[in-house]
Amino acid sequence: MSKKPNGKRLNESQRCEIIAKLSKTDATSKRAIAREYDVSEGVIRKVWDKREQILERSALMSDEAKEKTFRSSIGHFTELEDMLYI
């Protein structure tokens, strides 16, 4: 299996599509999905492992934001940030 260093990044919308494809009872293999999106199989496995976080995060985004978001992070001090925001 070849690794693709500095390869293509998936946007949030693509991550949600991958989760939906893998959630089906007759799911396509992770390897086939990796080829379809031109990423490594490890990327697909990581998306599947973090599916709950991805779905929670994307539920709060608009469709336009999902297409533009390639990276997202959660702050280290979310409780403090929430209090500051209020």
Protein backbone atom coordinates (compact mmCIF):
# COMPACT_ATOMS: atom_id res chain seq x y z
CA MET A 1 0.00 0.00 0.00
CA SER A 2 1.47 3.34 -0.99
CA LYS A 3 1.18 6.42 1.16
CA LYS A 4 0.32 9.78 -0.32
CA PRO A 5 2.28 12.42 1.59
CA ASN A 6 0.73 15.89 1.61
CA GLY A 7 -2.18 14.50 -0.33
CA LYS A 8 -5.64 15.79 -0.89
CA ARG A 9 -7.72 16.96 2.06
CA LEU A 10 -11.36 16.08 2.47
CA ASN A 11 -13.88 18.77 3.20
CA GLU A 12 -16.58 18.31 5.82
CA SER A 13 -19.19 17.45 3.21
CA GLN A 14 -17.02 14.66 1.79
CA ARG A 15 -16.41 13.27 5.28
CA CYS A 16 -20.18 13.09 5.84
CA GLU A 17 -20.62 11.31 2.49
CA ILE A 18 -17.98 8.76 3.44
CA ILE A 19 -19.66 8.09 6.78
CA ALA A 20 -22.99 7.62 5.03
CA LYS A 21 -21.44 5.16 2.54
CA LEU A 22 -19.78 3.15 5.30
CA SER A 23 -22.95 3.11 7.43
CA LYS A 24 -24.94 1.21 4.81
CA THR A 25 -25.52 -2.50 5.36
CA ASP A 26 -23.97 -3.27 1.97
CA ALA A 27 -21.11 -0.83 2.50
CA THR A 28 -18.36 -0.40 -0.06
CA SER A 29 -14.89 -1.32 1.17
CA LYS A 30 -12.73 1.35 2.74
CA ARG A 31 -10.12 0.72 0.08
CA ALA A 32 -12.61 1.38 -2.75
CA ILE A 33 -13.82 4.57 -1.08
CA ALA A 34 -10.22 5.71 -0.63
CA ARG A 35 -9.63 5.26 -4.37
CA GLU A 36 -12.84 7.13 -5.17
CA TYR A 37 -11.81 10.17 -3.11
CA ASP A 38 -8.10 9.87 -4.04
CA VAL A 39 -6.90 9.61 -0.43
CA SER A 40 -5.20 6.87 1.55
CA GLU A 41 -7.13 4.11 3.25
CA GLY A 42 -5.85 5.45 6.59
CA VAL A 43 -7.73 8.70 6.01
CA ILE A 44 -10.95 6.75 5.50
CA ARG A 45 -10.34 4.73 8.67
CA LYS A 46 -9.71 7.92 10.64
CA VAL A 47 -12.96 9.45 9.34
CA TRP A 48 -14.84 6.31 10.38
CA ASP A 49 -13.24 6.26 13.84
CA LYS A 50 -14.14 9.92 14.43
CA ARG A 51 -17.60 9.73 12.83
CA GLU A 52 -19.48 10.86 15.96
CA GLN A 53 -17.38 14.01 16.32
CA ILE A 54 -17.64 14.75 12.61
CA LEU A 55 -21.42 14.35 12.54
CA GLU A 56 -21.89 16.51 15.66
CA ARG A 57 -19.63 19.21 14.25
CA SER A 58 -21.21 19.19 10.80
CA ALA A 59 -24.76 19.33 12.18
CA LEU A 60 -24.03 22.91 13.22
CA MET A 61 -22.67 23.93 9.79
CA SER A 62 -24.45 25.19 6.72
CA ASP A 63 -24.00 23.31 3.45
CA GLU A 64 -21.83 26.12 2.15
CA ALA A 65 -19.57 25.94 5.21
CA LYS A 66 -19.27 22.16 4.85
CA GLU A 67 -17.91 22.60 1.32
CA LYS A 68 -15.31 25.14 2.47
CA THR A 69 -14.17 23.50 5.71
CA PHE A 70 -11.12 21.31 5.30
CA ARG A 71 -9.82 21.55 8.85
CA SER A 72 -11.57 22.17 12.09
CA SER A 73 -10.48 22.12 15.66
CA ILE A 74 -11.99 22.24 19.07
CA GLY A 75 -10.49 24.72 21.51
CA HIS A 76 -8.54 23.53 24.49
CA PHE A 77 -10.60 25.61 26.90
CA THR A 78 -14.09 25.31 25.46
CA GLU A 79 -15.86 25.98 28.76
CA LEU A 80 -13.87 29.19 29.29
CA GLU A 81 -14.41 30.24 25.67
CA ASP A 82 -18.17 29.73 26.04
CA MET A 83 -18.21 31.85 29.19
CA LEU A 84 -16.24 34.61 27.46
CA TYR A 85 -18.58 34.50 24.49
CA ILE A 86 -21.62 34.99 26.74
